[in-house]
């Protein structure tokens, strides 16, 4: 995939502890902002809406990437299930309350 201005990478590993699934190579001069685990934890603890939006972004990305097999379950159900799994993984990995 090609990423552009404002795109992110490495977020799944940062927030869930999952091993990274890809590498990144810049094709042009690039400015990168590194966000550490403690910063994300603080953001999630102070803004539950941000947390919910991120869980939906994760779920949509996983479904789009085809990491979930089409098991006959409808997409809305898959999305809701994936959001719940990401929330649990983030809560556990970051030690959120």
PDB file of N, CA and C in Angstrom:
ATOM      1  N   UNK A   1       0.844  -1.193   0.000  1.00  0.00           N
ATOM      2  CA  UNK A   1       0.000   0.000   0.000  1.00  0.00           C
ATOM      3  C   UNK A   1       0.878   1.240   0.000  1.00  0.00           C
ATOM      4  N   UNK A   2       0.376   2.288  -0.581  1.00  0.00           N
ATOM      5  CA  UNK A   2       1.058   3.574  -0.517  1.00  0.00           C
ATOM      6  C   UNK A   2       0.311   4.449   0.467  1.00  0.00           C
ATOM      7  N   UNK A   3       1.055   5.031   1.393  1.00  0.00           N
ATOM      8  CA  UNK A   3       0.472   5.927   2.377  1.00  0.00           C
ATOM      9  C   UNK A   3       0.770   7.360   1.974  1.00  0.00           C
ATOM     10  N   UNK A   4      -0.052   8.267   2.467  1.00  0.00           N
ATOM     11  CA  UNK A   4       0.137   9.671   2.147  1.00  0.00           C
ATOM     12  C   UNK A   4       0.089  10.531   3.388  1.00  0.00           C
ATOM     13  N   UNK A   5      -0.007  11.825   3.177  1.00  0.00           N
ATOM     14  CA  UNK A   5      -0.047  12.791   4.268  1.00  0.00           C
ATOM     15  C   UNK A   5      -1.168  12.434   5.240  1.00  0.00           C
ATOM     16  N   UNK A   6      -0.832  12.365   6.511  1.00  0.00           N
ATOM     17  CA  UNK A   6      -1.813  12.078   7.552  1.00  0.00           C
ATOM     18  C   UNK A   6      -2.080  10.609   7.806  1.00  0.00           C
ATOM     19  N   UNK A   7      -1.528   9.730   6.976  1.00  0.00           N
ATOM     20  CA  UNK A   7      -1.726   8.296   7.189  1.00  0.00           C
ATOM     21  C   UNK A   7      -0.851   7.809   8.338  1.00  0.00           C
ATOM     22  N   UNK A   8      -1.240   6.683   8.907  1.00  0.00           N
ATOM     23  CA  UNK A   8      -0.512   6.117  10.035  1.00  0.00           C
ATOM     24  C   UNK A   8      -0.090   4.685   9.729  1.00  0.00           C
ATOM     25  N   UNK A   9       0.925   4.232  10.435  1.00  0.00           N
ATOM     26  CA  UNK A   9       1.345   2.839  10.348  1.00  0.00           C
ATOM     27  C   UNK A   9       1.906   2.429  11.699  1.00  0.00           C
ATOM     28  N   UNK A  10       1.849   1.137  11.979  1.00  0.00           N
ATOM     29  CA  UNK A  10       2.370   0.616  13.240  1.00  0.00           C
ATOM     30  C   UNK A  10       1.420   0.742  14.409  1.00  0.00           C
ATOM     31  N   UNK A  11       0.217   1.244  14.149  1.00  0.00           N
ATOM     32  CA  UNK A  11      -0.726   1.498  15.238  1.00  0.00           C
ATOM     33  C   UNK A  11      -1.256   0.221  15.875  1.00  0.00           C
ATOM     34  N   UNK A  12      -1.406  -0.831  15.093  1.00  0.00           N
ATOM     35  CA  UNK A  12      -1.930  -2.079  15.652  1.00  0.00           C
ATOM     36  C   UNK A  12      -0.969  -2.636  16.694  1.00  0.00           C
ATOM     37  N   UNK A  13       0.286  -2.652  16.376  1.00  0.00           N
ATOM     38  CA  UNK A  13       1.298  -3.148  17.302  1.00  0.00           C
ATOM     39  C   UNK A  13       1.404  -2.252  18.525  1.00  0.00           C
ATOM     40  N   UNK A  14       1.368  -0.944  18.307  1.00  0.00           N
ATOM     41  CA  UNK A  14       1.471   0.019  19.405  1.00  0.00           C
ATOM     42  C   UNK A  14       0.352  -0.153  20.415  1.00  0.00           C
ATOM     43  N   UNK A  15      -0.861  -0.367  19.946  1.00  0.00           N
ATOM     44  CA  UNK A  15      -2.018  -0.351  20.839  1.00  0.00           C
ATOM     45  C   UNK A  15      -2.504  -1.715  21.290  1.00  0.00           C
ATOM     46  N   UNK A  16      -2.083  -2.780  20.615  1.00  0.00           N
ATOM     47  CA  UNK A  16      -2.554  -4.103  21.017  1.00  0.00           C
ATOM     48  C   UNK A  16      -1.429  -5.059  21.392  1.00  0.00           C
ATOM     49  N   UNK A  17      -0.189  -4.696  21.045  1.00  0.00           N
ATOM     50  CA  UNK A  17       0.937  -5.572  21.317  1.00  0.00           C
ATOM     51  C   UNK A  17       1.123  -6.660  20.277  1.00  0.00           C
ATOM     52  N   UNK A  18       0.267  -6.679  19.240  1.00  0.00           N
ATOM     53  CA  UNK A  18       0.421  -7.659  18.167  1.00  0.00           C
ATOM     54  C   UNK A  18       1.747  -7.424  17.447  1.00  0.00           C
ATOM     55  N   UNK A  19       2.351  -8.488  16.948  1.00  0.00           N
ATOM     56  CA  UNK A  19       3.568  -8.288  16.151  1.00  0.00           C
ATOM     57  C   UNK A  19       3.233  -7.471  14.903  1.00  0.00           C
ATOM     58  N   UNK A  20       4.172  -6.651  14.462  1.00  0.00           N
ATOM     59  CA  UNK A  20       3.912  -5.858  13.262  1.00  0.00           C
ATOM     60  C   UNK A  20       3.785  -6.786  12.069  1.00  0.00           C
ATOM     61  N   UNK A  21       2.976  -6.382  11.115  1.00  0.00           N
ATOM     62  CA  UNK A  21       2.699  -7.256   9.977  1.00  0.00           C
ATOM     63  C   UNK A  21       3.296  -6.749   8.677  1.00  0.00           C
ATOM     64  N   UNK A  22       3.997  -5.612   8.724  1.00  0.00           N
ATOM     65  CA  UNK A  22       4.590  -5.079   7.496  1.00  0.00           C
ATOM     66  C   UNK A  22       5.763  -4.173   7.832  1.00  0.00           C
ATOM     67  N   UNK A  23       6.477  -3.800   6.791  1.00  0.00           N
ATOM     68  CA  UNK A  23       7.585  -2.853   6.910  1.00  0.00           C
ATOM     69  C   UNK A  23       7.225  -1.606   6.118  1.00  0.00           C
ATOM     70  N   UNK A  24       7.912  -0.512   6.405  1.00  0.00           N
ATOM     71  CA  UNK A  24       7.631   0.753   5.739  1.00  0.00           C
ATOM     72  C   UNK A  24       8.910   1.279   5.115  1.00  0.00           C
ATOM     73  N   UNK A  25       8.781   1.783   3.897  1.00  0.00           N
ATOM     74  CA  UNK A  25       9.901   2.378   3.194  1.00  0.00           C
ATOM     75  C   UNK A  25       9.422   3.692   2.577  1.00  0.00           C
ATOM     76  N   UNK A  26      10.121   4.787   2.876  1.00  0.00           N
ATOM     77  CA  UNK A  26       9.757   6.087   2.320  1.00  0.00           C
ATOM     78  C   UNK A  26      10.268   6.208   0.892  1.00  0.00           C
ATOM     79  N   UNK A  27       9.411   6.657  -0.007  1.00  0.00           N
ATOM     80  CA  UNK A  27       9.790   6.869  -1.399  1.00  0.00           C
ATOM     81  C   UNK A  27      10.270   8.295  -1.651  1.00  0.00           C
ATOM     82  N   UNK A  28       9.920   9.209  -0.729  1.00  0.00           N
ATOM     83  CA  UNK A  28      10.331  10.616  -0.824  1.00  0.00           C
ATOM     84  C   UNK A  28      10.727  11.086   0.569  1.00  0.00           C
ATOM     85  N   UNK A  29      11.227  12.304   0.662  1.00  0.00           N
ATOM     86  CA  UNK A  29      11.536  12.874   1.983  1.00  0.00           C
ATOM     87  C   UNK A  29      10.263  12.842   2.825  1.00  0.00           C
ATOM     88  N   UNK A  30      10.402  12.400   4.054  1.00  0.00           N
ATOM     89  CA  UNK A  30       9.232  12.165   4.890  1.00  0.00           C
ATOM     90  C   UNK A  30       9.478  12.658   6.306  1.00  0.00           C
ATOM     91  N   UNK A  31       8.445  13.234   6.897  1.00  0.00           N
ATOM     92  CA  UNK A  31       8.472  13.596   8.310  1.00  0.00           C
ATOM     93  C   UNK A  31       7.588  12.588   9.032  1.00  0.00           C
ATOM     94  N   UNK A  32       8.147  11.954  10.047  1.00  0.00           N
ATOM     95  CA  UNK A  32       7.428  10.921  10.785  1.00  0.00           C
ATOM     96  C   UNK A  32       7.326  11.333  12.244  1.00  0.00           C
ATOM     97  N   UNK A  33       6.168  11.158  12.818  1.00  0.00           N
ATOM     98  CA  UNK A  33       5.940  11.434  14.230  1.00  0.00           C
ATOM     99  C   UNK A  33       5.797  10.102  14.950  1.00  0.00           C
ATOM    100  N   UNK A  34       6.657   9.863  15.928  1.00  0.00           N
ATOM    101  CA  UNK A  34       6.596   8.630  16.715  1.00  0.00           C
ATOM    102  C   UNK A  34       5.782   8.895  17.974  1.00  0.00           C
ATOM    103  N   UNK A  35       4.781   8.047  18.207  1.00  0.00           N
ATOM    104  CA  UNK A  35       3.942   8.182  19.394  1.00  0.00           C
ATOM    105  C   UNK A  35       4.167   6.956  20.270  1.00  0.00           C
ATOM    106  N   UNK A  36       4.505   7.199  21.519  1.00  0.00           N
ATOM    107  CA  UNK A  36       4.811   6.098  22.432  1.00  0.00           C
ATOM    108  C   UNK A  36       3.564   5.595  23.151  1.00  0.00           C
ATOM    109  N   UNK A  37       3.669   4.400  23.663  1.00  0.00           N
ATOM    110  CA  UNK A  37       2.569   3.717  24.343  1.00  0.00           C
ATOM    111  C   UNK A  37       1.948   4.580  25.445  1.00  0.00           C
ATOM    112  N   UNK A  38       2.751   5.237  26.269  1.00  0.00           N
ATOM    113  CA  UNK A  38       2.213   6.039  27.379  1.00  0.00           C
ATOM    114  C   UNK A  38       1.372   7.212  26.896  1.00  0.00           C
ATOM    115  N   UNK A  39       1.732   7.790  25.744  1.00  0.00           N
ATOM    116  CA  UNK A  39       0.944   8.886  25.179  1.00  0.00           C
ATOM    117  C   UNK A  39      -0.434   8.375  24.757  1.00  0.00           C
ATOM    118  N   UNK A  40      -0.455   7.238  24.078  1.00  0.00           N
ATOM    119  CA  UNK A  40      -1.726   6.644  23.654  1.00  0.00           C
ATOM    120  C   UNK A  40      -2.573   6.293  24.870  1.00  0.00           C
ATOM    121  N   UNK A  41      -1.950   5.747  25.888  1.00  0.00           N
ATOM    122  CA  UNK A  41      -2.689   5.387  27.098  1.00  0.00           C
ATOM    123  C   UNK A  41      -3.340   6.622  27.709  1.00  0.00           C
ATOM    124  N   UNK A  42      -2.609   7.719  27.780  1.00  0.00           N
ATOM    125  CA  UNK A  42      -3.151   8.962  28.331  1.00  0.00           C
ATOM    126  C   UNK A  42      -4.315   9.472  27.478  1.00  0.00           C
ATOM    127  N   UNK A  43      -4.163   9.426  26.161  1.00  0.00           N
ATOM    128  CA  UNK A  43      -5.244   9.865  25.267  1.00  0.00           C
ATOM    129  C   UNK A  43      -6.502   9.032  25.476  1.00  0.00           C
ATOM    130  N   UNK A  44      -6.342   7.729  25.547  1.00  0.00           N
ATOM    131  CA  UNK A  44      -7.500   6.853  25.717  1.00  0.00           C
ATOM    132  C   UNK A  44      -8.165   7.056  27.077  1.00  0.00           C
ATOM    133  N   UNK A  45      -7.386   7.233  28.114  1.00  0.00           N
ATOM    134  CA  UNK A  45      -7.958   7.416  29.451  1.00  0.00           C
ATOM    135  C   UNK A  45      -8.743   8.715  29.556  1.00  0.00           C
ATOM    136  N   UNK A  46      -8.323   9.735  28.801  1.00  0.00           N
ATOM    137  CA  UNK A  46      -8.975  11.049  28.922  1.00  0.00           C
ATOM    138  C   UNK A  46     -10.053  11.293  27.869  1.00  0.00           C
ATOM    139  N   UNK A  47     -10.174  10.417  26.874  1.00  0.00           N
ATOM    140  CA  UNK A  47     -11.127  10.666  25.802  1.00  0.00           C
ATOM    141  C   UNK A  47     -11.680   9.345  25.274  1.00  0.00           C
ATOM    142  N   UNK A  48     -12.783   8.914  25.845  1.00  0.00           N
ATOM    143  CA  UNK A  48     -13.379   7.627  25.459  1.00  0.00           C
ATOM    144  C   UNK A  48     -13.889   7.631  24.015  1.00  0.00           C
ATOM    145  N   UNK A  49     -14.314   8.785  23.504  1.00  0.00           N
ATOM    146  CA  UNK A  49     -14.781   8.851  22.118  1.00  0.00           C
ATOM    147  C   UNK A  49     -13.625   8.578  21.143  1.00  0.00           C
ATOM    148  N   UNK A  50     -12.449   9.100  21.449  1.00  0.00           N
ATOM    149  CA  UNK A  50     -11.260   8.842  20.628  1.00  0.00           C
ATOM    150  C   UNK A  50     -10.984   7.342  20.591  1.00  0.00           C
ATOM    151  N   UNK A  51     -11.088   6.731  21.727  1.00  0.00           N
ATOM    152  CA  UNK A  51     -10.863   5.287  21.865  1.00  0.00           C
ATOM    153  C   UNK A  51     -11.834   4.501  20.991  1.00  0.00           C
ATOM    154  N   UNK A  52     -13.115   4.868  21.017  1.00  0.00           N
ATOM    155  CA  UNK A  52     -14.115   4.187  20.197  1.00  0.00           C
ATOM    156  C   UNK A  52     -13.844   4.370  18.706  1.00  0.00           C
ATOM    157  N   UNK A  53     -13.445   5.560  18.298  1.00  0.00           N
ATOM    158  CA  UNK A  53     -13.152   5.821  16.884  1.00  0.00           C
ATOM    159  C   UNK A  53     -11.963   4.990  16.417  1.00  0.00           C
ATOM    160  N   UNK A  54     -10.938   4.901  17.247  1.00  0.00           N
ATOM    161  CA  UNK A  54      -9.762   4.102  16.886  1.00  0.00           C
ATOM    162  C   UNK A  54     -10.134   2.627  16.746  1.00  0.00           C
ATOM    163  N   UNK A  55     -10.958   2.118  17.643  1.00  0.00           N
ATOM    164  CA  UNK A  55     -11.387   0.713  17.564  1.00  0.00           C
ATOM    165  C   UNK A  55     -12.122   0.464  16.250  1.00  0.00           C
ATOM    166  N   UNK A  56     -12.948   1.417  15.802  1.00  0.00           N
ATOM    167  CA  UNK A  56     -13.657   1.270  14.535  1.00  0.00           C
ATOM    168  C   UNK A  56     -12.686   1.325  13.349  1.00  0.00           C
ATOM    169  N   UNK A  57     -11.689   2.192  13.420  1.00  0.00           N
ATOM    170  CA  UNK A  57     -10.679   2.270  12.344  1.00  0.00           C
ATOM    171  C   UNK A  57      -9.936   0.937  12.244  1.00  0.00           C
ATOM    172  N   UNK A  58      -9.539   0.377  13.389  1.00  0.00           N
ATOM    173  CA  UNK A  58      -8.849  -0.917  13.402  1.00  0.00           C
ATOM    174  C   UNK A  58      -9.717  -1.997  12.768  1.00  0.00           C
ATOM    175  N   UNK A  59     -10.969  -2.063  13.189  1.00  0.00           N
ATOM    176  CA  UNK A  59     -11.867  -3.097  12.687  1.00  0.00           C
ATOM    177  C   UNK A  59     -12.068  -2.960  11.185  1.00  0.00           C
ATOM    178  N   UNK A  60     -12.283  -1.746  10.714  1.00  0.00           N
ATOM    179  CA  UNK A  60     -12.484  -1.522   9.281  1.00  0.00           C
ATOM    180  C   UNK A  60     -11.239  -1.923   8.494  1.00  0.00           C
ATOM    181  N   UNK A  61     -10.069  -1.570   9.015  1.00  0.00           N
ATOM    182  CA  UNK A  61      -8.820  -1.916   8.336  1.00  0.00           C
ATOM    183  C   UNK A  61      -8.647  -3.425   8.272  1.00  0.00           C
ATOM    184  N   UNK A  62      -8.917  -4.122   9.366  1.00  0.00           N
ATOM    185  CA  UNK A  62      -8.797  -5.584   9.379  1.00  0.00           C
ATOM    186  C   UNK A  62      -9.757  -6.219   8.380  1.00  0.00           C
ATOM    187  N   UNK A  63     -10.998  -5.728   8.353  1.00  0.00           N
ATOM    188  CA  UNK A  63     -11.975  -6.277   7.423  1.00  0.00           C
ATOM    189  C   UNK A  63     -11.582  -5.971   5.980  1.00  0.00           C
ATOM    190  N   UNK A  64     -11.103  -4.785   5.724  1.00  0.00           N
ATOM    191  CA  UNK A  64     -10.684  -4.397   4.382  1.00  0.00           C
ATOM    192  C   UNK A  64      -9.493  -5.216   3.919  1.00  0.00           C
ATOM    193  N   UNK A  65      -8.562  -5.487   4.827  1.00  0.00           N
ATOM    194  CA  UNK A  65      -7.376  -6.252   4.468  1.00  0.00           C
ATOM    195  C   UNK A  65      -7.674  -7.732   4.274  1.00  0.00           C
ATOM    196  N   UNK A  66      -8.870  -8.143   4.615  1.00  0.00           N
ATOM    197  CA  UNK A  66      -9.241  -9.531   4.397  1.00  0.00           C
ATOM    198  C   UNK A  66      -8.691 -10.476   5.434  1.00  0.00           C
ATOM    199  N   UNK A  67      -8.358  -9.973   6.613  1.00  0.00           N
ATOM    200  CA  UNK A  67      -7.824 -10.833   7.658  1.00  0.00           C
ATOM    201  C   UNK A  67      -8.903 -11.690   8.323  1.00  0.00           C
ATOM    202  N   UNK A  68     -10.156 -11.354   8.020  1.00  0.00           N
ATOM    203  CA  UNK A  68     -11.258 -12.151   8.560  1.00  0.00           C
ATOM    204  C   UNK A  68     -11.852 -12.951   7.412  1.00  0.00           C
ATOM    205  N   UNK A  69     -11.959 -14.223   7.594  1.00  0.00           N
ATOM    206  CA  UNK A  69     -12.541 -15.054   6.550  1.00  0.00           C
ATOM    207  C   UNK A  69     -14.034 -14.787   6.460  1.00  0.00           C
ATOM    208  N   UNK A  70     -14.553 -14.841   5.261  1.00  0.00           N
ATOM    209  CA  UNK A  70     -15.980 -14.648   5.058  1.00  0.00           C
ATOM    210  C   UNK A  70     -16.686 -15.926   5.502  1.00  0.00           C
ATOM    211  N   UNK A  71     -17.308 -15.850   6.651  1.00  0.00           N
ATOM    212  CA  UNK A  71     -17.913 -17.041   7.239  1.00  0.00           C
ATOM    213  C   UNK A  71     -19.433 -17.032   7.119  1.00  0.00           C
ATOM    214  N   UNK A  72     -19.960 -16.175   6.260  1.00  0.00           N
ATOM    215  CA  UNK A  72     -21.406 -16.097   6.124  1.00  0.00           C
ATOM    216  C   UNK A  72     -22.038 -15.141   7.110  1.00  0.00           C
ATOM    217  N   UNK A  73     -21.237 -14.608   8.037  1.00  0.00           N
ATOM    218  CA  UNK A  73     -21.749 -13.639   9.004  1.00  0.00           C
ATOM    219  C   UNK A  73     -21.806 -12.289   8.312  1.00  0.00           C
ATOM    220  N   UNK A  74     -22.823 -11.490   8.581  1.00  0.00           N
ATOM    221  CA  UNK A  74     -22.924 -10.221   7.878  1.00  0.00           C
ATOM    222  C   UNK A  74     -21.845  -9.248   8.343  1.00  0.00           C
ATOM    223  N   UNK A  75     -21.515  -8.274   7.491  1.00  0.00           N
ATOM    224  CA  UNK A  75     -20.398  -7.360   7.720  1.00  0.00           C
ATOM    225  C   UNK A  75     -20.597  -6.547   8.997  1.00  0.00           C
ATOM    226  N   UNK A  76     -21.831  -6.120   9.280  1.00  0.00           N
ATOM    227  CA  UNK A  76     -22.085  -5.349  10.504  1.00  0.00           C
ATOM    228  C   UNK A  76     -21.764  -6.169  11.749  1.00  0.00           C
ATOM    229  N   UNK A  77     -22.125  -7.447  11.718  1.00  0.00           N
ATOM    230  CA  UNK A  77     -21.815  -8.327  12.844  1.00  0.00           C
ATOM    231  C   UNK A  77     -20.308  -8.541  12.971  1.00  0.00           C
ATOM    232  N   UNK A  78     -19.630  -8.721  11.829  1.00  0.00           N
ATOM    233  CA  UNK A  78     -18.177  -8.874  11.848  1.00  0.00           C
ATOM    234  C   UNK A  78     -17.529  -7.613  12.408  1.00  0.00           C
ATOM    235  N   UNK A  79     -18.025  -6.444  11.993  1.00  0.00           N
ATOM    236  CA  UNK A  79     -17.480  -5.173  12.442  1.00  0.00           C
ATOM    237  C   UNK A  79     -17.669  -5.015  13.955  1.00  0.00           C
ATOM    238  N   UNK A  80     -18.864  -5.278  14.455  1.00  0.00           N
ATOM    239  CA  UNK A  80     -19.139  -5.155  15.885  1.00  0.00           C
ATOM    240  C   UNK A  80     -18.262  -6.107  16.697  1.00  0.00           C
ATOM    241  N   UNK A  81     -18.107  -7.330  16.205  1.00  0.00           N
ATOM    242  CA  UNK A  81     -17.265  -8.312  16.881  1.00  0.00           C
ATOM    243  C   UNK A  81     -15.808  -7.867  16.892  1.00  0.00           C
ATOM    244  N   UNK A  82     -15.321  -7.354  15.762  1.00  0.00           N
ATOM    245  CA  UNK A  82     -13.931  -6.911  15.662  1.00  0.00           C
ATOM    246  C   UNK A  82     -13.684  -5.692  16.551  1.00  0.00           C
ATOM    247  N   UNK A  83     -14.626  -4.750  16.599  1.00  0.00           N
ATOM    248  CA  UNK A  83     -14.483  -3.579  17.471  1.00  0.00           C
ATOM    249  C   UNK A  83     -14.360  -4.034  18.921  1.00  0.00           C
ATOM    250  N   UNK A  84     -15.209  -4.956  19.340  1.00  0.00           N
ATOM    251  CA  UNK A  84     -15.159  -5.463  20.714  1.00  0.00           C
ATOM    252  C   UNK A  84     -13.820  -6.139  21.003  1.00  0.00           C
ATOM    253  N   UNK A  85     -13.302  -6.905  20.057  1.00  0.00           N
ATOM    254  CA  UNK A  85     -12.016  -7.580  20.255  1.00  0.00           C
ATOM    255  C   UNK A  85     -10.872  -6.569  20.370  1.00  0.00           C
ATOM    256  N   UNK A  86     -10.891  -5.536  19.529  1.00  0.00           N
ATOM    257  CA  UNK A  86      -9.850  -4.512  19.610  1.00  0.00           C
ATOM    258  C   UNK A  86      -9.915  -3.756  20.924  1.00  0.00           C
ATOM    259  N   UNK A  87     -11.123  -3.428  21.367  1.00  0.00           N
ATOM    260  CA  UNK A  87     -11.259  -2.720  22.645  1.00  0.00           C
ATOM    261  C   UNK A  87     -10.657  -3.557  23.764  1.00  0.00           C
ATOM    262  N   UNK A  88     -10.964  -4.831  23.783  1.00  0.00           N
ATOM    263  CA  UNK A  88     -10.423  -5.716  24.808  1.00  0.00           C
ATOM    264  C   UNK A  88      -8.898  -5.794  24.719  1.00  0.00           C
ATOM    265  N   UNK A  89      -8.364  -5.928  23.500  1.00  0.00           N
ATOM    266  CA  UNK A  89      -6.914  -6.026  23.328  1.00  0.00           C
ATOM    267  C   UNK A  89      -6.225  -4.749  23.779  1.00  0.00           C
ATOM    268  N   UNK A  90      -6.784  -3.599  23.438  1.00  0.00           N
ATOM    269  CA  UNK A  90      -6.193  -2.316  23.820  1.00  0.00           C
ATOM    270  C   UNK A  90      -6.251  -2.131  25.331  1.00  0.00           C
ATOM    271  N   UNK A  91      -7.396  -2.420  25.920  1.00  0.00           N
ATOM    272  CA  UNK A  91      -7.553  -2.291  27.385  1.00  0.00           C
ATOM    273  C   UNK A  91      -6.520  -3.165  28.094  1.00  0.00           C
ATOM    274  N   UNK A  92      -6.381  -4.399  27.656  1.00  0.00           N
ATOM    275  CA  UNK A  92      -5.441  -5.325  28.295  1.00  0.00           C
ATOM    276  C   UNK A  92      -3.986  -4.892  28.100  1.00  0.00           C
ATOM    277  N   UNK A  93      -3.630  -4.535  26.853  1.00  0.00           N
ATOM    278  CA  UNK A  93      -2.243  -4.202  26.554  1.00  0.00           C
ATOM    279  C   UNK A  93      -1.815  -2.891  27.221  1.00  0.00           C
ATOM    280  N   UNK A  94      -2.670  -1.886  27.181  1.00  0.00           N
ATOM    281  CA  UNK A  94      -2.313  -0.582  27.761  1.00  0.00           C
ATOM    282  C   UNK A  94      -2.596  -0.497  29.255  1.00  0.00           C
ATOM    283  N   UNK A  95      -3.310  -1.477  29.784  1.00  0.00           N
ATOM    284  CA  UNK A  95      -3.628  -1.458  31.209  1.00  0.00           C
ATOM    285  C   UNK A  95      -4.630  -0.372  31.537  1.00  0.00           C
ATOM    286  N   UNK A  96      -5.604  -0.160  30.639  1.00  0.00           N
ATOM    287  CA  UNK A  96      -6.623   0.863  30.876  1.00  0.00           C
ATOM    288  C   UNK A  96      -7.616   0.395  31.925  1.00  0.00           C
ATOM    289  N   UNK A  97      -8.234   1.364  32.548  1.00  0.00           N
ATOM    290  CA  UNK A  97      -9.230   1.050  33.585  1.00  0.00           C
ATOM    291  C   UNK A  97     -10.617   1.130  33.035  1.00  0.00           C
TER     292      UNK A  97
END
